[in-house]
């Protein structure tokens, strides 16, 4: 059984990401358990999963990151020892547990959640993380509202830069400069 908070999060995630309710329940339970084990907000763990894999447990990046939290199993090979080895990267529960440990380590190393997210995505030596931390933190904020019982839309329109208004884009032309019709 899930707590009321977990039920809210489960229902919202299953609608937003079109996940079967039973699968979503497993992921929410695993995130809350991993969060308790490593002393990390489970909603942050779920937000990372949302941005990293959109809750696809079999996702794999071009760089070889795998699973829900896109863990580099060849880099974090030893962290999977308790779960049967690096092939467990595609086991949803193992991936969440290892990913949560890595995220916690990155946050501790950087001294902040935003810095930890930058390290987590592999942008530690770069000037920018390409908006990764902002995306995770925005999803985290939505999950916090959901957990608190607030109504949050399951669809978030993509962020698009505002188009320039015609008056701003075109140089001003006085009537005297216009060609006659």
N, C-alpha and C. Protein backbone atom coordinates (compact mmCIF):
# COMPACT_ATOMS: atom_id res chain seq x y z
N UNK A 1 0.80 -1.20 0.00
CA UNK A 1 0.00 0.00 0.00
C UNK A 1 0.84 1.25 0.00
N UNK A 2 0.39 2.19 -0.79
CA UNK A 2 1.06 3.49 -0.87
C UNK A 2 0.40 4.46 0.10
N UNK A 3 1.19 5.42 0.59
CA UNK A 3 0.62 6.49 1.40
C UNK A 3 -0.24 7.37 0.50
N UNK A 4 -1.00 8.26 1.09
CA UNK A 4 -1.83 9.18 0.31
C UNK A 4 -0.97 10.01 -0.64
N UNK A 5 0.16 10.51 -0.14
CA UNK A 5 1.08 11.29 -0.97
C UNK A 5 1.57 10.45 -2.15
N UNK A 6 1.99 9.23 -1.87
CA UNK A 6 2.49 8.35 -2.92
C UNK A 6 1.40 8.03 -3.94
N UNK A 7 0.16 7.86 -3.48
CA UNK A 7 -0.96 7.59 -4.39
C UNK A 7 -1.18 8.76 -5.33
N UNK A 8 -1.11 9.98 -4.80
CA UNK A 8 -1.27 11.17 -5.64
C UNK A 8 -0.18 11.21 -6.72
N UNK A 9 1.06 11.01 -6.28
CA UNK A 9 2.21 11.04 -7.19
C UNK A 9 2.07 9.93 -8.24
N UNK A 10 1.70 8.75 -7.78
CA UNK A 10 1.54 7.61 -8.69
C UNK A 10 0.50 7.89 -9.77
N UNK A 11 -0.66 8.39 -9.37
CA UNK A 11 -1.73 8.67 -10.33
C UNK A 11 -1.30 9.73 -11.33
N UNK A 12 -0.68 10.79 -10.84
CA UNK A 12 -0.26 11.88 -11.73
C UNK A 12 0.81 11.41 -12.71
N UNK A 13 1.82 10.68 -12.22
CA UNK A 13 2.88 10.19 -13.10
C UNK A 13 2.33 9.22 -14.14
N UNK A 14 1.41 8.35 -13.72
CA UNK A 14 0.88 7.37 -14.68
C UNK A 14 0.11 8.08 -15.79
N UNK A 15 -0.58 9.17 -15.47
CA UNK A 15 -1.28 9.93 -16.51
C UNK A 15 -0.31 10.74 -17.36
N UNK A 16 0.60 11.44 -16.70
CA UNK A 16 1.54 12.33 -17.42
C UNK A 16 2.44 11.56 -18.38
N UNK A 17 2.95 10.43 -17.93
CA UNK A 17 3.92 9.68 -18.73
C UNK A 17 3.33 8.42 -19.36
N UNK A 18 2.00 8.26 -19.22
CA UNK A 18 1.29 7.14 -19.83
C UNK A 18 1.92 5.80 -19.46
N UNK A 19 2.03 5.61 -18.14
CA UNK A 19 2.60 4.39 -17.57
C UNK A 19 1.44 3.61 -16.96
N UNK A 20 1.47 2.31 -17.12
CA UNK A 20 0.46 1.46 -16.46
C UNK A 20 0.53 1.73 -14.96
N UNK A 21 -0.63 1.80 -14.33
CA UNK A 21 -0.71 2.11 -12.90
C UNK A 21 0.12 1.19 -12.03
N UNK A 22 0.12 -0.11 -12.33
CA UNK A 22 0.90 -1.05 -11.51
C UNK A 22 2.40 -0.81 -11.69
N UNK A 23 2.83 -0.47 -12.90
CA UNK A 23 4.25 -0.18 -13.13
C UNK A 23 4.64 1.11 -12.43
N UNK A 24 3.78 2.12 -12.54
CA UNK A 24 4.04 3.39 -11.88
C UNK A 24 4.14 3.21 -10.36
N UNK A 25 3.26 2.37 -9.81
CA UNK A 25 3.25 2.10 -8.38
C UNK A 25 4.60 1.50 -7.94
N UNK A 26 5.13 0.58 -8.74
CA UNK A 26 6.43 -0.03 -8.44
C UNK A 26 7.53 1.03 -8.43
N UNK A 27 7.51 1.93 -9.43
CA UNK A 27 8.55 2.95 -9.54
C UNK A 27 8.47 3.97 -8.41
N UNK A 28 7.25 4.36 -8.07
CA UNK A 28 7.06 5.32 -6.96
C UNK A 28 7.52 4.69 -5.65
N UNK A 29 7.11 3.45 -5.41
CA UNK A 29 7.53 2.75 -4.18
C UNK A 29 9.05 2.64 -4.11
N UNK A 30 9.67 2.26 -5.22
CA UNK A 30 11.13 2.10 -5.26
C UNK A 30 11.83 3.44 -5.04
N UNK A 31 11.30 4.52 -5.59
CA UNK A 31 11.91 5.84 -5.41
C UNK A 31 11.81 6.29 -3.95
N UNK A 32 10.66 6.05 -3.32
CA UNK A 32 10.50 6.42 -1.92
C UNK A 32 11.42 5.58 -1.03
N UNK A 33 11.56 4.30 -1.34
CA UNK A 33 12.45 3.44 -0.56
C UNK A 33 13.91 3.87 -0.74
N UNK A 34 14.32 4.13 -1.98
CA UNK A 34 15.69 4.56 -2.24
C UNK A 34 15.96 5.90 -1.58
N UNK A 35 14.98 6.81 -1.64
CA UNK A 35 15.14 8.12 -1.00
C UNK A 35 15.34 8.00 0.49
N UNK A 36 14.58 7.09 1.10
CA UNK A 36 14.73 6.87 2.54
C UNK A 36 16.11 6.28 2.85
N UNK A 37 16.56 5.35 2.01
CA UNK A 37 17.86 4.69 2.24
C UNK A 37 19.04 5.65 2.15
N UNK A 38 19.00 6.58 1.18
CA UNK A 38 20.14 7.48 0.99
C UNK A 38 19.89 8.89 1.52
N UNK A 39 18.73 9.09 2.16
CA UNK A 39 18.36 10.40 2.72
C UNK A 39 18.30 11.46 1.62
N UNK A 40 17.46 11.19 0.62
CA UNK A 40 17.27 12.08 -0.51
C UNK A 40 15.79 12.16 -0.83
N UNK A 41 15.31 13.31 -1.22
CA UNK A 41 13.91 13.51 -1.54
C UNK A 41 13.49 12.56 -2.67
N UNK A 42 12.54 11.66 -2.42
CA UNK A 42 12.11 10.73 -3.47
C UNK A 42 11.49 11.44 -4.67
N UNK A 43 10.93 12.62 -4.45
CA UNK A 43 10.37 13.38 -5.57
C UNK A 43 11.47 13.88 -6.50
N UNK A 44 12.65 14.16 -5.95
CA UNK A 44 13.79 14.53 -6.78
C UNK A 44 14.25 13.33 -7.61
N UNK A 45 14.27 12.17 -6.99
CA UNK A 45 14.63 10.94 -7.70
C UNK A 45 13.65 10.71 -8.86
N UNK A 46 12.36 10.86 -8.60
CA UNK A 46 11.35 10.69 -9.65
C UNK A 46 11.50 11.75 -10.74
N UNK A 47 11.85 12.98 -10.36
CA UNK A 47 12.06 14.04 -11.35
C UNK A 47 13.24 13.71 -12.26
N UNK A 48 14.30 13.16 -11.69
CA UNK A 48 15.46 12.76 -12.50
C UNK A 48 15.04 11.66 -13.48
N UNK A 49 14.27 10.68 -13.01
CA UNK A 49 13.79 9.61 -13.89
C UNK A 49 12.95 10.18 -15.04
N UNK A 50 12.11 11.15 -14.71
CA UNK A 50 11.24 11.74 -15.73
C UNK A 50 12.07 12.38 -16.84
N UNK A 51 13.08 13.14 -16.47
CA UNK A 51 13.89 13.85 -17.46
C UNK A 51 14.86 12.90 -18.15
N UNK A 52 15.45 11.99 -17.41
CA UNK A 52 16.44 11.09 -17.99
C UNK A 52 15.84 10.08 -18.97
N UNK A 53 14.71 9.47 -18.61
CA UNK A 53 14.21 8.34 -19.42
C UNK A 53 12.72 8.39 -19.73
N UNK A 54 12.02 9.41 -19.19
CA UNK A 54 10.56 9.46 -19.29
C UNK A 54 9.95 8.15 -18.80
N UNK A 55 10.60 7.57 -17.78
CA UNK A 55 10.16 6.35 -17.11
C UNK A 55 10.22 5.10 -17.99
N UNK A 56 11.15 5.10 -18.95
CA UNK A 56 11.38 3.92 -19.78
C UNK A 56 12.52 3.13 -19.13
N UNK A 57 12.23 1.97 -18.52
CA UNK A 57 13.27 1.22 -17.81
C UNK A 57 14.32 0.62 -18.74
N UNK A 58 14.04 0.61 -20.04
CA UNK A 58 14.98 0.02 -21.00
C UNK A 58 15.69 1.06 -21.85
N UNK A 59 15.57 2.33 -21.47
CA UNK A 59 16.21 3.41 -22.22
C UNK A 59 17.73 3.24 -22.18
N UNK A 60 18.36 3.57 -23.30
CA UNK A 60 19.83 3.56 -23.36
C UNK A 60 20.29 4.72 -24.23
N UNK A 61 21.23 5.48 -23.71
CA UNK A 61 21.74 6.64 -24.45
C UNK A 61 22.85 6.21 -25.40
N UNK A 62 23.21 7.11 -26.28
CA UNK A 62 24.32 6.86 -27.21
C UNK A 62 25.63 6.66 -26.46
N UNK A 63 25.73 7.22 -25.26
CA UNK A 63 26.95 7.10 -24.44
C UNK A 63 26.95 5.82 -23.60
N UNK A 64 25.84 5.08 -23.60
CA UNK A 64 25.77 3.83 -22.85
C UNK A 64 25.09 3.93 -21.50
N UNK A 65 24.52 5.09 -21.19
CA UNK A 65 23.76 5.23 -19.94
C UNK A 65 22.48 4.42 -20.08
N UNK A 66 22.10 3.72 -19.00
CA UNK A 66 20.99 2.78 -19.10
C UNK A 66 19.94 2.97 -18.03
N UNK A 67 18.73 2.58 -18.40
CA UNK A 67 17.65 2.46 -17.45
C UNK A 67 16.97 3.77 -17.08
N UNK A 68 16.15 3.67 -16.07
CA UNK A 68 15.32 4.79 -15.63
C UNK A 68 16.12 6.04 -15.29
N UNK A 69 17.24 5.86 -14.60
CA UNK A 69 18.04 7.00 -14.17
C UNK A 69 19.27 7.21 -15.04
N UNK A 70 19.33 6.46 -16.15
CA UNK A 70 20.42 6.58 -17.11
C UNK A 70 21.80 6.49 -16.43
N UNK A 71 22.00 5.38 -15.76
CA UNK A 71 23.25 5.11 -15.05
C UNK A 71 24.26 4.51 -16.02
N UNK A 72 25.50 4.98 -15.93
CA UNK A 72 26.59 4.43 -16.73
C UNK A 72 27.11 3.19 -15.99
N UNK A 73 26.58 2.02 -16.36
CA UNK A 73 26.91 0.80 -15.61
C UNK A 73 28.39 0.44 -15.73
N UNK A 74 29.03 0.80 -16.82
CA UNK A 74 30.47 0.48 -16.93
C UNK A 74 31.30 1.38 -16.01
N UNK A 75 30.81 2.59 -15.73
CA UNK A 75 31.51 3.51 -14.83
C UNK A 75 31.21 3.15 -13.37
N UNK A 76 29.96 2.80 -13.11
CA UNK A 76 29.51 2.52 -11.74
C UNK A 76 29.33 1.02 -11.52
N UNK A 77 30.16 0.24 -12.17
CA UNK A 77 30.09 -1.23 -12.13
C UNK A 77 29.99 -1.77 -10.71
N UNK A 78 30.82 -1.27 -9.80
CA UNK A 78 30.84 -1.80 -8.43
C UNK A 78 29.56 -1.50 -7.65
N UNK A 79 28.89 -0.42 -8.00
CA UNK A 79 27.65 -0.09 -7.30
C UNK A 79 26.54 -1.10 -7.60
N UNK A 80 26.71 -1.85 -8.68
CA UNK A 80 25.72 -2.88 -9.05
C UNK A 80 26.06 -4.25 -8.47
N UNK A 81 27.19 -4.37 -7.77
CA UNK A 81 27.60 -5.67 -7.21
C UNK A 81 26.52 -6.29 -6.32
N UNK A 82 25.88 -5.47 -5.50
CA UNK A 82 24.83 -5.98 -4.60
C UNK A 82 23.55 -6.37 -5.34
N UNK A 83 23.49 -6.04 -6.63
CA UNK A 83 22.28 -6.29 -7.42
C UNK A 83 22.51 -7.33 -8.52
N UNK A 84 23.67 -8.00 -8.49
CA UNK A 84 23.94 -9.04 -9.48
C UNK A 84 24.86 -8.61 -10.61
N UNK A 85 25.46 -7.44 -10.52
CA UNK A 85 26.39 -6.98 -11.55
C UNK A 85 25.77 -5.93 -12.46
N UNK A 86 26.59 -5.45 -13.41
CA UNK A 86 26.17 -4.34 -14.27
C UNK A 86 24.95 -4.62 -15.15
N UNK A 87 24.64 -5.87 -15.39
CA UNK A 87 23.46 -6.18 -16.19
C UNK A 87 22.18 -5.78 -15.45
N UNK A 88 22.27 -5.56 -14.15
CA UNK A 88 21.11 -5.14 -13.36
C UNK A 88 20.73 -3.68 -13.62
N UNK A 89 21.50 -2.99 -14.47
CA UNK A 89 21.19 -1.59 -14.79
C UNK A 89 19.80 -1.47 -15.41
N UNK A 90 19.32 -2.54 -16.04
CA UNK A 90 17.99 -2.51 -16.66
C UNK A 90 16.91 -3.05 -15.73
N UNK A 91 17.29 -3.43 -14.53
CA UNK A 91 16.31 -3.81 -13.51
C UNK A 91 15.85 -2.50 -12.87
N UNK A 92 14.56 -2.17 -12.98
CA UNK A 92 14.10 -0.86 -12.50
C UNK A 92 14.46 -0.56 -11.04
N UNK A 93 14.28 -1.49 -10.14
CA UNK A 93 14.55 -1.24 -8.72
C UNK A 93 16.04 -1.04 -8.49
N UNK A 94 16.87 -1.88 -9.09
CA UNK A 94 18.32 -1.74 -8.95
C UNK A 94 18.79 -0.42 -9.54
N UNK A 95 18.26 -0.05 -10.68
CA UNK A 95 18.65 1.19 -11.34
C UNK A 95 18.30 2.40 -10.47
N UNK A 96 17.12 2.38 -9.87
CA UNK A 96 16.70 3.48 -8.99
C UNK A 96 17.60 3.54 -7.76
N UNK A 97 17.89 2.39 -7.16
CA UNK A 97 18.73 2.38 -5.96
C UNK A 97 20.13 2.90 -6.25
N UNK A 98 20.73 2.42 -7.33
CA UNK A 98 22.09 2.86 -7.69
C UNK A 98 22.07 4.32 -8.14
N UNK A 99 21.10 4.69 -8.96
CA UNK A 99 21.00 6.07 -9.42
C UNK A 99 20.83 7.05 -8.27
N UNK A 100 20.03 6.68 -7.28
CA UNK A 100 19.82 7.54 -6.10
C UNK A 100 21.13 7.70 -5.32
N UNK A 101 21.89 6.62 -5.18
CA UNK A 101 23.19 6.71 -4.48
C UNK A 101 24.14 7.64 -5.23
N UNK A 102 24.18 7.50 -6.54
CA UNK A 102 25.06 8.35 -7.36
C UNK A 102 24.63 9.81 -7.24
N UNK A 103 23.33 10.06 -7.36
CA UNK A 103 22.82 11.43 -7.25
C UNK A 103 23.16 12.02 -5.88
N UNK A 104 22.97 11.26 -4.83
CA UNK A 104 23.29 11.74 -3.48
C UNK A 104 24.78 12.09 -3.38
N UNK A 105 25.65 11.23 -3.93
CA UNK A 105 27.09 11.49 -3.93
C UNK A 105 27.42 12.77 -4.69
N UNK A 106 26.77 12.99 -5.82
CA UNK A 106 27.03 14.17 -6.65
C UNK A 106 26.59 15.45 -5.93
N UNK A 107 25.45 15.38 -5.25
CA UNK A 107 24.95 16.53 -4.49
C UNK A 107 25.92 16.84 -3.34
N UNK A 108 26.37 15.80 -2.66
CA UNK A 108 27.32 15.98 -1.55
C UNK A 108 28.63 16.58 -2.07
N UNK A 109 29.12 16.08 -3.19
CA UNK A 109 30.37 16.56 -3.76
C UNK A 109 30.28 18.03 -4.16
N UNK A 110 29.18 18.40 -4.80
CA UNK A 110 29.05 19.77 -5.30
C UNK A 110 28.61 20.75 -4.22
N UNK A 111 27.89 20.26 -3.23
CA UNK A 111 27.40 21.13 -2.16
C UNK A 111 26.02 21.70 -2.41
N UNK A 112 25.41 21.36 -3.55
CA UNK A 112 24.05 21.85 -3.83
C UNK A 112 23.33 20.88 -4.75
N UNK A 113 22.00 20.97 -4.73
CA UNK A 113 21.21 20.11 -5.62
C UNK A 113 21.50 20.47 -7.07
N UNK A 114 21.51 21.76 -7.38
CA UNK A 114 21.75 22.18 -8.77
C UNK A 114 23.14 21.73 -9.24
N UNK A 115 24.14 21.89 -8.40
CA UNK A 115 25.49 21.44 -8.74
C UNK A 115 25.55 19.93 -8.88
N UNK A 116 24.84 19.22 -8.00
CA UNK A 116 24.79 17.76 -8.08
C UNK A 116 24.15 17.29 -9.36
N UNK A 117 23.10 17.98 -9.80
CA UNK A 117 22.45 17.63 -11.07
C UNK A 117 23.38 17.88 -12.25
N UNK A 118 24.15 18.95 -12.17
CA UNK A 118 25.12 19.24 -13.23
C UNK A 118 26.17 18.13 -13.32
N UNK A 119 26.65 17.67 -12.17
CA UNK A 119 27.60 16.55 -12.16
C UNK A 119 26.92 15.27 -12.64
N UNK A 120 25.68 15.05 -12.23
CA UNK A 120 24.94 13.83 -12.58
C UNK A 120 24.80 13.70 -14.10
N UNK A 121 24.54 14.81 -14.76
CA UNK A 121 24.35 14.76 -16.21
C UNK A 121 25.68 14.76 -16.97
N UNK A 122 26.79 14.87 -16.22
CA UNK A 122 28.10 14.80 -16.85
C UNK A 122 28.61 16.14 -17.36
N UNK A 123 28.06 17.23 -16.83
CA UNK A 123 28.46 18.57 -17.28
C UNK A 123 29.30 19.29 -16.24
N UNK A 124 29.94 18.53 -15.35
CA UNK A 124 30.71 19.13 -14.27
C UNK A 124 31.81 20.05 -14.73
N UNK A 125 32.46 19.73 -15.85
CA UNK A 125 33.57 20.54 -16.35
C UNK A 125 33.11 21.58 -17.37
N UNK A 126 31.81 21.65 -17.61
CA UNK A 126 31.29 22.56 -18.62
C UNK A 126 30.71 23.81 -17.97
N UNK A 127 30.62 24.85 -18.77
CA UNK A 127 30.06 26.11 -18.28
C UNK A 127 28.58 25.97 -17.97
N UNK A 128 27.86 25.19 -18.78
CA UNK A 128 26.43 25.03 -18.62
C UNK A 128 26.04 23.56 -18.72
N UNK A 129 24.90 23.24 -18.16
CA UNK A 129 24.40 21.86 -18.26
C UNK A 129 23.32 21.74 -19.33
N UNK A 130 23.18 22.76 -20.16
CA UNK A 130 22.21 22.73 -21.23
C UNK A 130 20.76 22.80 -20.76
N UNK A 131 20.54 23.27 -19.55
CA UNK A 131 19.19 23.39 -19.02
C UNK A 131 18.71 22.16 -18.28
N UNK A 132 19.58 21.16 -18.12
CA UNK A 132 19.19 19.91 -17.47
C UNK A 132 18.67 20.14 -16.05
N UNK A 133 19.45 20.84 -15.22
CA UNK A 133 19.05 21.05 -13.82
C UNK A 133 17.72 21.80 -13.76
N UNK A 134 17.53 22.78 -14.62
CA UNK A 134 16.28 23.54 -14.63
C UNK A 134 15.10 22.64 -14.96
N UNK A 135 15.27 21.72 -15.90
CA UNK A 135 14.19 20.79 -16.27
C UNK A 135 13.86 19.87 -15.10
N UNK A 136 14.89 19.32 -14.46
CA UNK A 136 14.67 18.42 -13.33
C UNK A 136 14.00 19.18 -12.18
N UNK A 137 14.48 20.37 -11.89
CA UNK A 137 13.92 21.14 -10.78
C UNK A 137 12.48 21.59 -11.07
N UNK A 138 12.16 21.87 -12.33
CA UNK A 138 10.77 22.21 -12.69
C UNK A 138 9.86 21.01 -12.49
N UNK A 139 10.31 19.83 -12.90
CA UNK A 139 9.50 18.62 -12.69
C UNK A 139 9.39 18.32 -11.20
N UNK A 140 10.46 18.55 -10.46
CA UNK A 140 10.45 18.35 -9.01
C UNK A 140 9.41 19.26 -8.36
N UNK A 141 9.37 20.51 -8.79
CA UNK A 141 8.39 21.46 -8.24
C UNK A 141 6.97 21.00 -8.53
N UNK A 142 6.73 20.49 -9.75
CA UNK A 142 5.39 19.98 -10.08
C UNK A 142 5.05 18.79 -9.18
N UNK A 143 6.00 17.90 -8.98
CA UNK A 143 5.77 16.72 -8.13
C UNK A 143 5.50 17.12 -6.68
N UNK A 144 6.17 18.15 -6.20
CA UNK A 144 5.92 18.63 -4.84
C UNK A 144 4.48 19.13 -4.70
N UNK A 145 4.00 19.84 -5.71
CA UNK A 145 2.61 20.32 -5.68
C UNK A 145 1.63 19.15 -5.71
N UNK A 146 1.89 18.18 -6.58
CA UNK A 146 1.04 16.99 -6.67
C UNK A 146 1.01 16.27 -5.33
N UNK A 147 2.18 16.06 -4.74
CA UNK A 147 2.27 15.35 -3.46
C UNK A 147 1.49 16.07 -2.37
N UNK A 148 1.43 17.40 -2.45
CA UNK A 148 0.71 18.19 -1.46
C UNK A 148 -0.80 18.25 -1.74
N UNK A 149 -1.23 17.60 -2.81
CA UNK A 149 -2.66 17.55 -3.11
C UNK A 149 -3.15 18.67 -4.02
N UNK A 150 -2.24 19.43 -4.60
CA UNK A 150 -2.63 20.51 -5.52
C UNK A 150 -2.92 19.92 -6.90
N UNK A 151 -3.78 20.60 -7.63
CA UNK A 151 -4.09 20.19 -9.00
C UNK A 151 -2.99 20.71 -9.92
N UNK A 152 -2.37 19.80 -10.65
CA UNK A 152 -1.30 20.16 -11.57
C UNK A 152 -1.62 19.50 -12.91
N UNK A 153 -1.63 20.28 -13.99
CA UNK A 153 -1.91 19.67 -15.29
C UNK A 153 -0.90 18.58 -15.62
N UNK A 154 -1.36 17.54 -16.29
CA UNK A 154 -0.44 16.46 -16.68
C UNK A 154 0.29 16.80 -17.97
N UNK A 155 -0.17 17.83 -18.67
CA UNK A 155 0.50 18.26 -19.89
C UNK A 155 1.16 19.60 -19.62
N UNK A 156 2.44 19.69 -19.94
CA UNK A 156 3.16 20.95 -19.82
C UNK A 156 3.60 21.34 -21.22
N UNK A 157 3.11 22.45 -21.74
CA UNK A 157 3.54 22.84 -23.09
C UNK A 157 5.04 23.09 -23.12
N UNK A 158 5.67 22.76 -24.25
CA UNK A 158 7.11 23.00 -24.35
C UNK A 158 7.42 24.49 -24.23
N UNK A 159 8.55 24.79 -23.64
CA UNK A 159 8.97 26.18 -23.50
C UNK A 159 9.53 26.64 -24.84
N UNK A 160 8.91 27.67 -25.40
CA UNK A 160 9.33 28.20 -26.69
C UNK A 160 9.64 29.67 -26.49
N UNK A 161 10.73 30.11 -27.11
CA UNK A 161 11.07 31.52 -27.03
C UNK A 161 9.96 32.31 -27.72
N UNK A 162 9.63 33.46 -27.14
CA UNK A 162 8.58 34.29 -27.74
C UNK A 162 9.06 34.80 -29.09
N UNK A 163 8.21 34.69 -30.12
CA UNK A 163 8.61 35.24 -31.41
C UNK A 163 8.64 36.77 -31.34
N UNK A 164 9.55 37.34 -32.11
CA UNK A 164 9.64 38.80 -32.13
C UNK A 164 8.38 39.35 -32.77
N UNK A 165 7.90 40.44 -32.22
CA UNK A 165 6.72 41.08 -32.82
C UNK A 165 7.18 41.75 -34.12
N UNK A 166 6.28 41.86 -35.04
CA UNK A 166 6.62 42.46 -36.34
C UNK A 166 7.22 43.86 -36.17
N UNK A 167 6.67 44.63 -35.26
CA UNK A 167 7.17 45.99 -35.07
C UNK A 167 8.61 45.98 -34.59
N UNK A 168 8.97 44.95 -33.80
CA UNK A 168 10.34 44.85 -33.30
C UNK A 168 11.28 44.27 -34.36
N UNK A 169 10.76 43.38 -35.18
CA UNK A 169 11.60 42.66 -36.13
C UNK A 169 11.90 43.48 -37.38
N UNK A 170 10.94 44.21 -37.86
CA UNK A 170 11.14 44.97 -39.09
C UNK A 170 11.57 46.39 -38.76
N UNK A 171 12.47 46.92 -39.56
CA UNK A 171 12.85 48.32 -39.30
C UNK A 171 11.65 49.23 -39.56
N UNK A 172 11.56 50.25 -38.76
CA UNK A 172 10.45 51.20 -38.93
C UNK A 172 10.61 51.92 -40.25
N UNK A 173 9.52 52.05 -40.98
CA UNK A 173 9.54 52.72 -42.28
C UNK A 173 8.52 53.86 -42.21
N UNK A 174 8.97 55.03 -42.50
CA UNK A 174 8.02 56.16 -42.48
C UNK A 174 7.21 56.15 -43.76
N UNK A 175 6.07 56.82 -43.75
CA UNK A 175 5.22 56.85 -44.93
C UNK A 175 5.95 57.48 -46.11
N UNK A 176 6.83 58.38 -45.84
CA UNK A 176 7.55 59.08 -46.91
C UNK A 176 8.50 58.13 -47.65
N UNK A 177 8.99 57.08 -46.93
CA UNK A 177 9.95 56.16 -47.55
C UNK A 177 9.27 55.04 -48.32
N UNK A 178 8.00 54.84 -48.12
CA UNK A 178 7.31 53.73 -48.79
C UNK A 178 7.11 54.06 -50.26
N UNK A 179 7.19 53.00 -51.08
CA UNK A 179 6.93 53.19 -52.49
C UNK A 179 5.42 53.37 -52.68
N UNK A 180 5.04 54.14 -53.69
CA UNK A 180 3.62 54.30 -53.94
C UNK A 180 3.00 52.99 -54.36
N UNK A 181 1.73 52.80 -54.04
CA UNK A 181 1.04 51.55 -54.35
C UNK A 181 0.71 51.41 -55.79
